[in-house]
Amino acid sequence: MITGKKILVVTGGDACHGGAPWLVSPSTGTGEVCPIFTARISRNLIVSCLLLVSFFGILSCNNNSTDSGPKKQEEVANKPVDTSSKKKTILFFGNSLTAGYGVDPSEAYPALIQEKIDSLNLNYKVVNAGVSGETTSSGNSRIDWILKQPVDIFILELGANDGLRGIPLPVTEKNLQSIIDKVKAKYPEVKIILEGMQIPPNMGPDYTTEFKEIYPRLASKNKIELIPFLLKNVAGDPKLNQRDGIHPTAEGHKIVAENVWEVLKKDL
């Protein structure tokens, strides 16, 4: 069949469907494959190539994941942990004086110590573990639970409630010593600061004097630092104490914080 300048020769079957279709040029006598037939072959060839590329691509990915997976896990496991930014802990362990009875928690002297530390960009965090009404006996019972968290500096403020209740002085001293022993046993490298306390002369001069002497004696015996009197320049001043005459006001806590800082700053 003549179509324009070329002749379509079908050798068997219909054109491009089962026969051997050729387009023959009358001028040259040369032939070329039927475009329909060529398109079919090209399409099949492209699909086959794509399948091969996909297969080898998947195989390559699998090989890469198999090789790199364990290596990456090993690198992560062996990567050193950066502990340089981990803050050290200062733990205040005491009664209502430490807890900040009657003032906002942010006004209590442990919180003021934290503000001072932050202002100096020191790598420490303060934990206030004060509980109102705590005695040396209840503190000795509670300390094991408190020591479940890491402690770098331990500041002990207990005994005032013992003195106000007239608890035998040997019991108070024994309990304080037990607390110190437990802290040292749990964290041998810990620095301990003992906050000295004094009480009004309600229980008599002998009891009052002997109570005051407990703190320097314990500090010397255990080779720990001592704040001679936590409430220095605060106790007995109505302007710096609440109506009960025992617990500092917010202004009083500022002075207490300075009393603590004078000793604590040497250990930071």
C-alpha atoms as a PDB file:
ATOM      1  CA  MET A   1       0.000   0.000   0.000  1.00  0.00           C
ATOM      2  CA  ILE A   2       1.340   3.402  -1.045  1.00  0.00           C
ATOM      3  CA  THR A   3       1.160   6.118   1.625  1.00  0.00           C
ATOM      4  CA  GLY A   4       2.701   9.368   0.471  1.00  0.00           C
ATOM      5  CA  LYS A   5       6.290   8.647  -0.486  1.00  0.00           C
ATOM      6  CA  LYS A   6       6.601   5.317   1.246  1.00  0.00           C
ATOM      7  CA  ILE A   7       5.143   1.849   0.739  1.00  0.00           C
ATOM      8  CA  LEU A   8       3.922  -0.259   3.648  1.00  0.00           C
ATOM      9  CA  VAL A   9       4.828  -3.895   3.187  1.00  0.00           C
ATOM     10  CA  VAL A  10       3.188  -6.435   5.465  1.00  0.00           C
ATOM     11  CA  THR A  11       4.749  -9.857   5.401  1.00  0.00           C
ATOM     12  CA  GLY A  12       2.164 -11.578   7.428  1.00  0.00           C
ATOM     13  CA  GLY A  13      -0.733 -10.561   9.615  1.00  0.00           C
ATOM     14  CA  ASP A  14      -2.020  -7.018   9.923  1.00  0.00           C
ATOM     15  CA  ALA A  15       0.262  -4.021  10.075  1.00  0.00           C
ATOM     16  CA  CYS A  16       2.449  -3.939  13.218  1.00  0.00           C
ATOM     17  CA  HIS A  17       0.415  -6.776  14.766  1.00  0.00           C
ATOM     18  CA  GLY A  18       2.020 -10.088  14.168  1.00  0.00           C
ATOM     19  CA  GLY A  19       3.533  -9.631  10.763  1.00  0.00           C
ATOM     20  CA  ALA A  20       6.887  -8.218   9.758  1.00  0.00           C
ATOM     21  CA  PRO A  21       5.871  -4.614   9.033  1.00  0.00           C
ATOM     22  CA  TRP A  22       8.231  -2.389   7.082  1.00  0.00           C
ATOM     23  CA  LEU A  23       7.944   1.001   5.552  1.00  0.00           C
ATOM     24  CA  VAL A  24       9.726   0.945   2.170  1.00  0.00           C
ATOM     25  CA  SER A  25      10.857   4.076   0.369  1.00  0.00           C
ATOM     26  CA  PRO A  26      10.183   3.875  -3.359  1.00  0.00           C
ATOM     27  CA  SER A  27      13.154   6.060  -4.217  1.00  0.00           C
ATOM     28  CA  THR A  28      15.781   4.188  -2.309  1.00  0.00           C
ATOM     29  CA  GLY A  29      14.222   0.859  -1.763  1.00  0.00           C
ATOM     30  CA  THR A  30      15.271   0.943   1.830  1.00  0.00           C
ATOM     31  CA  GLY A  31      12.950   0.050   4.640  1.00  0.00           C
ATOM     32  CA  GLU A  32      12.457   0.999   8.261  1.00  0.00           C
ATOM     33  CA  VAL A  33      10.611  -0.627  11.074  1.00  0.00           C
ATOM     34  CA  CYS A  34       6.992   0.295  11.571  1.00  0.00           C
ATOM     35  CA  PRO A  35       6.702   3.155  14.113  1.00  0.00           C
ATOM     36  CA  ILE A  36       3.972   1.311  16.024  1.00  0.00           C
ATOM     37  CA  PHE A  37       6.160  -1.746  16.284  1.00  0.00           C
ATOM     38  CA  THR A  38       9.174   0.360  17.251  1.00  0.00           C
ATOM     39  CA  ALA A  39       7.215   2.161  19.959  1.00  0.00           C
ATOM     40  CA  ARG A  40       6.138  -1.148  21.473  1.00  0.00           C
ATOM     41  CA  ILE A  41       9.721  -2.424  21.605  1.00  0.00           C
ATOM     42  CA  SER A  42      10.991   0.863  23.057  1.00  0.00           C
ATOM     43  CA  ARG A  43       8.322   0.898  25.765  1.00  0.00           C
ATOM     44  CA  ASN A  44       9.088  -2.670  26.819  1.00  0.00           C
ATOM     45  CA  LEU A  45      12.803  -1.944  26.843  1.00  0.00           C
ATOM     46  CA  ILE A  46      12.366   1.150  29.011  1.00  0.00           C
ATOM     47  CA  VAL A  47      10.184  -0.720  31.509  1.00  0.00           C
ATOM     48  CA  SER A  48      12.758  -3.508  31.730  1.00  0.00           C
ATOM     49  CA  CYS A  49      15.573  -1.021  32.330  1.00  0.00           C
ATOM     50  CA  LEU A  50      13.622   0.744  35.030  1.00  0.00           C
ATOM     51  CA  LEU A  51      12.955  -2.537  36.795  1.00  0.00           C
ATOM     52  CA  LEU A  52      16.657  -3.390  36.706  1.00  0.00           C
ATOM     53  CA  VAL A  53      17.646   0.025  38.038  1.00  0.00           C
ATOM     54  CA  SER A  54      15.097  -0.249  40.853  1.00  0.00           C
ATOM     55  CA  PHE A  55      16.303  -3.740  41.763  1.00  0.00           C
ATOM     56  CA  PHE A  56      19.954  -2.754  41.991  1.00  0.00           C
ATOM     57  CA  GLY A  57      19.051   0.460  43.790  1.00  0.00           C
ATOM     58  CA  ILE A  58      17.179  -1.465  46.486  1.00  0.00           C
ATOM     59  CA  LEU A  59      20.022  -3.969  46.745  1.00  0.00           C
ATOM     60  CA  SER A  60      22.501  -1.128  47.142  1.00  0.00           C
ATOM     61  CA  CYS A  61      20.408   0.515  49.865  1.00  0.00           C
ATOM     62  CA  ASN A  62      20.117  -2.735  51.755  1.00  0.00           C
ATOM     63  CA  ASN A  63      23.847  -3.247  51.576  1.00  0.00           C
ATOM     64  CA  ASN A  64      24.508   0.265  52.812  1.00  0.00           C
ATOM     65  CA  SER A  65      22.098  -0.034  55.742  1.00  0.00           C
ATOM     66  CA  THR A  66      23.599  -3.377  56.717  1.00  0.00           C
ATOM     67  CA  ASP A  67      27.097  -1.973  56.699  1.00  0.00           C
ATOM     68  CA  SER A  68      26.443   1.417  58.292  1.00  0.00           C
ATOM     69  CA  GLY A  69      23.807   0.466  60.889  1.00  0.00           C
ATOM     70  CA  PRO A  70      26.055  -1.372  63.362  1.00  0.00           C
ATOM     71  CA  LYS A  71      28.827   1.151  62.812  1.00  0.00           C
ATOM     72  CA  LYS A  72      26.532   4.060  63.660  1.00  0.00           C
ATOM     73  CA  GLN A  73      25.205   2.268  66.743  1.00  0.00           C
ATOM     74  CA  GLU A  74      28.755   1.559  67.855  1.00  0.00           C
ATOM     75  CA  GLU A  75      29.718   5.187  67.341  1.00  0.00           C
ATOM     76  CA  VAL A  76      26.776   6.342  69.466  1.00  0.00           C
ATOM     77  CA  ALA A  77      27.534   3.804  72.197  1.00  0.00           C
ATOM     78  CA  ASN A  78      31.189   4.818  72.337  1.00  0.00           C
ATOM     79  CA  LYS A  79      30.538   8.549  72.212  1.00  0.00           C
ATOM     80  CA  PRO A  80      31.592  10.079  75.553  1.00  0.00           C
ATOM     81  CA  VAL A  81      28.857  11.682  77.650  1.00  0.00           C
ATOM     82  CA  ASP A  82      29.296  15.401  78.127  1.00  0.00           C
ATOM     83  CA  THR A  83      29.056  16.018  81.865  1.00  0.00           C
ATOM     84  CA  SER A  84      30.639  19.449  81.820  1.00  0.00           C
ATOM     85  CA  SER A  85      27.249  21.163  81.866  1.00  0.00           C
ATOM     86  CA  LYS A  86      25.827  19.066  84.695  1.00  0.00           C
ATOM     87  CA  LYS A  87      25.207  21.237  87.730  1.00  0.00           C
ATOM     88  CA  LYS A  88      26.419  20.267  91.179  1.00  0.00           C
ATOM     89  CA  THR A  89      23.880  20.069  93.991  1.00  0.00           C
ATOM     90  CA  ILE A  90      23.777  22.073  97.209  1.00  0.00           C
ATOM     91  CA  LEU A  91      21.283  20.456  99.576  1.00  0.00           C
ATOM     92  CA  PHE A  92      19.819  22.419 102.478  1.00  0.00           C
ATOM     93  CA  PHE A  93      18.467  19.991 105.078  1.00  0.00           C
ATOM     94  CA  GLY A  94      16.594  21.556 107.964  1.00  0.00           C
ATOM     95  CA  ASN A  95      13.358  22.658 109.604  1.00  0.00           C
ATOM     96  CA  SER A  96      11.010  25.627 109.147  1.00  0.00           C
ATOM     97  CA  LEU A  97      13.902  28.091 109.127  1.00  0.00           C
ATOM     98  CA  THR A  98      15.209  26.460 105.962  1.00  0.00           C
ATOM     99  CA  ALA A  99      11.752  25.746 104.534  1.00  0.00           C
ATOM    100  CA  GLY A 100      10.909  29.461 104.743  1.00  0.00           C
ATOM    101  CA  TYR A 101       7.963  29.340 107.098  1.00  0.00           C
ATOM    102  CA  GLY A 102       5.757  32.423 106.782  1.00  0.00           C
ATOM    103  CA  VAL A 103       7.434  33.820 103.670  1.00  0.00           C
ATOM    104  CA  ASP A 104       7.231  33.082  99.980  1.00  0.00           C
ATOM    105  CA  PRO A 105       9.531  30.189  98.965  1.00  0.00           C
ATOM    106  CA  SER A 106      11.425  32.599  96.724  1.00  0.00           C
ATOM    107  CA  GLU A 107      12.206  34.735  99.799  1.00  0.00           C
ATOM    108  CA  ALA A 108      13.634  31.920 101.937  1.00  0.00           C
ATOM    109  CA  TYR A 109      17.400  32.029 102.355  1.00  0.00           C
ATOM    110  CA  PRO A 110      18.120  28.897 100.231  1.00  0.00           C
ATOM    111  CA  ALA A 111      16.370  30.576  97.290  1.00  0.00           C
ATOM    112  CA  LEU A 112      18.403  33.734  97.883  1.00  0.00           C
ATOM    113  CA  ILE A 113      21.560  31.623  97.807  1.00  0.00           C
ATOM    114  CA  GLN A 114      20.468  30.264  94.431  1.00  0.00           C
ATOM    115  CA  GLU A 115      19.992  33.822  93.153  1.00  0.00           C
ATOM    116  CA  LYS A 116      23.500  34.694  94.313  1.00  0.00           C
ATOM    117  CA  ILE A 117      24.929  31.629  92.591  1.00  0.00           C
ATOM    118  CA  ASP A 118      23.113  32.400  89.351  1.00  0.00           C
ATOM    119  CA  SER A 119      24.300  35.996  89.379  1.00  0.00           C
ATOM    120  CA  LEU A 120      27.871  34.720  89.497  1.00  0.00           C
ATOM    121  CA  ASN A 121      27.240  32.086  86.790  1.00  0.00           C
ATOM    122  CA  LEU A 122      28.321  29.274  89.095  1.00  0.00           C
ATOM    123  CA  ASN A 123      27.463  25.715  88.105  1.00  0.00           C
ATOM    124  CA  TYR A 124      25.354  24.804  91.155  1.00  0.00           C
ATOM    125  CA  LYS A 125      21.694  24.188  91.867  1.00  0.00           C
ATOM    126  CA  VAL A 126      20.100  24.546  95.304  1.00  0.00           C
ATOM    127  CA  VAL A 127      17.683  21.963  96.685  1.00  0.00           C
ATOM    128  CA  ASN A 128      15.596  23.081  99.662  1.00  0.00           C
ATOM    129  CA  ALA A 129      14.827  20.004 101.767  1.00  0.00           C
ATOM    130  CA  GLY A 130      13.547  21.918 104.770  1.00  0.00           C
ATOM    131  CA  VAL A 131      10.450  20.633 106.612  1.00  0.00           C
ATOM    132  CA  SER A 132       8.595  22.655 109.218  1.00  0.00           C
ATOM    133  CA  GLY A 133       8.569  21.055 112.646  1.00  0.00           C
ATOM    134  CA  GLU A 134      11.542  18.797 111.908  1.00  0.00           C
ATOM    135  CA  THR A 135      13.567  17.584 114.876  1.00  0.00           C
ATOM    136  CA  THR A 136      16.941  15.867 114.767  1.00  0.00           C
ATOM    137  CA  SER A 137      15.153  12.556 115.315  1.00  0.00           C
ATOM    138  CA  SER A 138      12.740  12.949 112.393  1.00  0.00           C
ATOM    139  CA  GLY A 139      15.563  14.318 110.279  1.00  0.00           C
ATOM    140  CA  ASN A 140      17.648  11.254 111.032  1.00  0.00           C
ATOM    141  CA  SER A 141      14.752   9.093 109.860  1.00  0.00           C
ATOM    142  CA  ARG A 142      14.246  11.116 106.683  1.00  0.00           C
ATOM    143  CA  ILE A 143      17.846  11.533 105.566  1.00  0.00           C
ATOM    144  CA  ASP A 144      18.173   8.148 103.819  1.00  0.00           C
ATOM    145  CA  TRP A 145      15.375   9.034 101.417  1.00  0.00           C
ATOM    146  CA  ILE A 146      16.807  12.496 100.770  1.00  0.00           C
ATOM    147  CA  LEU A 147      20.216  11.050  99.915  1.00  0.00           C
ATOM    148  CA  LYS A 148      18.803   9.144  96.953  1.00  0.00           C
ATOM    149  CA  GLN A 149      19.666  12.215  94.908  1.00  0.00           C
ATOM    150  CA  PRO A 150      23.302  13.228  94.286  1.00  0.00           C
ATOM    151  CA  VAL A 151      24.712  15.757  96.756  1.00  0.00           C
ATOM    152  CA  ASP A 152      27.919  17.761  96.451  1.00  0.00           C
ATOM    153  CA  ILE A 153      27.476  20.201  99.330  1.00  0.00           C
ATOM    154  CA  PHE A 154      25.285  19.274 102.307  1.00  0.00           C
ATOM    155  CA  ILE A 155      24.160  22.059 104.646  1.00  0.00           C
ATOM    156  CA  LEU A 156      22.658  20.832 107.911  1.00  0.00           C
ATOM    157  CA  GLU A 157      20.300  23.008 109.939  1.00  0.00           C
ATOM    158  CA  LEU A 158      18.567  21.083 112.723  1.00  0.00           C
ATOM    159  CA  GLY A 159      18.284  21.134 116.497  1.00  0.00           C
ATOM    160  CA  ALA A 160      16.303  24.281 117.251  1.00  0.00           C
ATOM    161  CA  ASN A 161      13.059  22.364 117.695  1.00  0.00           C
ATOM    162  CA  ASP A 162      14.842  19.918 119.993  1.00  0.00           C
ATOM    163  CA  GLY A 163      15.976  22.795 122.170  1.00  0.00           C
ATOM    164  CA  LEU A 164      12.568  24.428 122.296  1.00  0.00           C
ATOM    165  CA  ARG A 165      11.035  21.119 123.377  1.00  0.00           C
ATOM    166  CA  GLY A 166      13.702  20.399 125.957  1.00  0.00           C
ATOM    167  CA  ILE A 167      14.853  17.148 124.332  1.00  0.00           C
ATOM    168  CA  PRO A 168      17.890  15.742 126.181  1.00  0.00           C
ATOM    169  CA  LEU A 169      21.026  17.227 124.681  1.00  0.00           C
ATOM    170  CA  PRO A 170      22.855  13.891 124.237  1.00  0.00           C
ATOM    171  CA  VAL A 171      19.951  12.718 122.055  1.00  0.00           C
ATOM    172  CA  THR A 172      20.183  15.821 119.881  1.00  0.00           C
ATOM    173  CA  GLU A 173      23.920  15.457 119.453  1.00  0.00           C
ATOM    174  CA  LYS A 174      23.654  11.748 118.694  1.00  0.00           C
ATOM    175  CA  ASN A 175      21.043  12.346 116.001  1.00  0.00           C
ATOM    176  CA  LEU A 176      23.085  15.100 114.363  1.00  0.00           C
ATOM    177  CA  GLN A 177      26.140  12.850 114.364  1.00  0.00           C
ATOM    178  CA  SER A 178      24.100  10.057 112.783  1.00  0.00           C
ATOM    179  CA  ILE A 179      22.949  12.350 109.992  1.00  0.00           C
ATOM    180  CA  ILE A 180      26.532  13.430 109.306  1.00  0.00           C
ATOM    181  CA  ASP A 181      27.693   9.806 109.267  1.00  0.00           C
ATOM    182  CA  LYS A 182      25.005   8.788 106.781  1.00  0.00           C
ATOM    183  CA  VAL A 183      25.840  11.647 104.443  1.00  0.00           C
ATOM    184  CA  LYS A 184      29.553  10.804 104.518  1.00  0.00           C
ATOM    185  CA  ALA A 185      28.883   7.101 103.990  1.00  0.00           C
ATOM    186  CA  LYS A 186      26.696   7.757 100.969  1.00  0.00           C
ATOM    187  CA  TYR A 187      28.885  10.461  99.425  1.00  0.00           C
ATOM    188  CA  PRO A 188      32.454  10.310 100.795  1.00  0.00           C
ATOM    189  CA  GLU A 189      33.547  13.368  98.799  1.00  0.00           C
ATOM    190  CA  VAL A 190      30.682  15.575  99.941  1.00  0.00           C
ATOM    191  CA  LYS A 191      31.361  18.888 101.660  1.00  0.00           C
ATOM    192  CA  ILE A 192      29.308  19.367 104.818  1.00  0.00           C
ATOM    193  CA  ILE A 193      28.461  22.671 106.461  1.00  0.00           C
ATOM    194  CA  LEU A 194      26.835  22.686 109.892  1.00  0.00           C
ATOM    195  CA  GLU A 195      24.635  25.641 110.763  1.00  0.00           C
ATOM    196  CA  GLY A 196      25.005  26.484 114.429  1.00  0.00           C
ATOM    197  CA  MET A 197      21.908  27.250 116.453  1.00  0.00           C
ATOM    198  CA  GLN A 198      21.112  28.915 119.762  1.00  0.00           C
ATOM    199  CA  ILE A 199      17.933  28.927 121.816  1.00  0.00           C
ATOM    200  CA  PRO A 200      16.257  31.333 124.281  1.00  0.00           C
ATOM    201  CA  PRO A 201      17.106  30.758 127.962  1.00  0.00           C
ATOM    202  CA  ASN A 202      13.684  29.252 128.693  1.00  0.00           C
ATOM    203  CA  MET A 203      15.198  25.869 129.635  1.00  0.00           C
ATOM    204  CA  GLY A 204      17.734  27.408 132.017  1.00  0.00           C
ATOM    205  CA  PRO A 205      21.258  28.718 131.529  1.00  0.00           C
ATOM    206  CA  ASP A 206      22.984  25.338 131.687  1.00  0.00           C
ATOM    207  CA  TYR A 207      20.806  23.746 129.038  1.00  0.00           C
ATOM    208  CA  THR A 208      21.079  26.842 126.827  1.00  0.00           C
ATOM    209  CA  THR A 209      24.858  26.970 127.061  1.00  0.00           C
ATOM    210  CA  GLU A 210      25.351  23.254 126.514  1.00  0.00           C
ATOM    211  CA  PHE A 211      22.996  23.322 123.545  1.00  0.00           C
ATOM    212  CA  LYS A 212      25.085  26.050 121.888  1.00  0.00           C
ATOM    213  CA  GLU A 213      28.266  24.017 122.409  1.00  0.00           C
ATOM    214  CA  ILE A 214      26.967  20.996 120.476  1.00  0.00           C
ATOM    215  CA  TYR A 215      27.626  22.574 117.082  1.00  0.00           C
ATOM    216  CA  PRO A 216      31.285  23.605 117.338  1.00  0.00           C
ATOM    217  CA  ARG A 217      32.033  20.271 118.983  1.00  0.00           C
ATOM    218  CA  LEU A 218      30.474  18.306 116.123  1.00  0.00           C
ATOM    219  CA  ALA A 219      32.176  20.500 113.519  1.00  0.00           C
ATOM    220  CA  SER A 220      35.576  19.934 115.120  1.00  0.00           C
ATOM    221  CA  LYS A 221      35.036  16.210 115.584  1.00  0.00           C
ATOM    222  CA  ASN A 222      33.956  15.638 111.971  1.00  0.00           C
ATOM    223  CA  LYS A 223      36.286  18.209 110.411  1.00  0.00           C
ATOM    224  CA  ILE A 224      33.412  20.017 108.722  1.00  0.00           C
ATOM    225  CA  GLU A 225      32.731  23.718 108.319  1.00  0.00           C
ATOM    226  CA  LEU A 226      30.595  25.629 110.795  1.00  0.00           C
ATOM    227  CA  ILE A 227      28.356  28.658 110.581  1.00  0.00           C
ATOM    228  CA  PRO A 228      28.586  29.693 114.259  1.00  0.00           C
ATOM    229  CA  PHE A 229      25.031  31.056 114.450  1.00  0.00           C
ATOM    230  CA  LEU A 230      22.610  30.930 111.534  1.00  0.00           C
ATOM    231  CA  LEU A 231      20.414  33.751 112.899  1.00  0.00           C
ATOM    232  CA  LYS A 232      23.238  36.143 113.660  1.00  0.00           C
ATOM    233  CA  ASN A 233      22.015  39.774 113.534  1.00  0.00           C
ATOM    234  CA  VAL A 234      18.445  38.525 113.105  1.00  0.00           C
ATOM    235  CA  ALA A 235      17.423  36.715 116.302  1.00  0.00           C
ATOM    236  CA  GLY A 236      15.732  38.986 118.827  1.00  0.00           C
ATOM    237  CA  ASP A 237      15.101  41.839 116.369  1.00  0.00           C
ATOM    238  CA  PRO A 238      11.334  42.413 116.049  1.00  0.00           C
ATOM    239  CA  LYS A 239      11.792  44.152 112.700  1.00  0.00           C
ATOM    240  CA  LEU A 240      13.460  41.086 111.197  1.00  0.00           C
ATOM    241  CA  ASN A 241      11.213  38.421 112.704  1.00  0.00           C
ATOM    242  CA  GLN A 242       7.611  37.472 112.279  1.00  0.00           C
ATOM    243  CA  ARG A 243       5.075  37.898 115.079  1.00  0.00           C
ATOM    244  CA  ASP A 244       6.117  34.585 116.664  1.00  0.00           C
ATOM    245  CA  GLY A 245       9.549  36.078 117.342  1.00  0.00           C
ATOM    246  CA  ILE A 246      11.222  32.936 115.951  1.00  0.00           C
ATOM    247  CA  HIS A 247      10.958  32.886 112.175  1.00  0.00           C
ATOM    248  CA  PRO A 248      12.659  35.582 110.073  1.00  0.00           C
ATOM    249  CA  THR A 249      10.756  37.888 107.768  1.00  0.00           C
ATOM    250  CA  ALA A 250      11.765  38.295 104.145  1.00  0.00           C
ATOM    251  CA  GLU A 251      14.229  40.975 105.233  1.00  0.00           C
ATOM    252  CA  GLY A 252      15.527  38.694 107.935  1.00  0.00           C
ATOM    253  CA  HIS A 253      16.129  35.932 105.416  1.00  0.00           C
ATOM    254  CA  LYS A 254      18.348  38.268 103.407  1.00  0.00           C
ATOM    255  CA  ILE A 255      20.662  38.582 106.415  1.00  0.00           C
ATOM    256  CA  VAL A 256      20.525  34.845 107.070  1.00  0.00           C
ATOM    257  CA  ALA A 257      21.540  34.265 103.452  1.00  0.00           C
ATOM    258  CA  GLU A 258      24.580  36.494 103.953  1.00  0.00           C
ATOM    259  CA  ASN A 259      25.541  34.525 107.065  1.00  0.00           C
ATOM    260  CA  VAL A 260      25.437  31.335 105.039  1.00  0.00           C
ATOM    261  CA  TRP A 261      27.195  32.817 102.022  1.00  0.00           C
ATOM    262  CA  GLU A 262      30.196  33.905 104.058  1.00  0.00           C
ATOM    263  CA  VAL A 263      31.035  30.241 104.665  1.00  0.00           C
ATOM    264  CA  LEU A 264      29.561  28.601 101.578  1.00  0.00           C
ATOM    265  CA  LYS A 265      31.377  30.769  99.020  1.00  0.00           C
ATOM    266  CA  LYS A 266      34.705  29.172  99.989  1.00  0.00           C
ATOM    267  CA  ASP A 267      33.477  25.805  98.739  1.00  0.00           C
ATOM    268  CA  LEU A 268      32.196  26.951  95.346  1.00  0.00           C
END
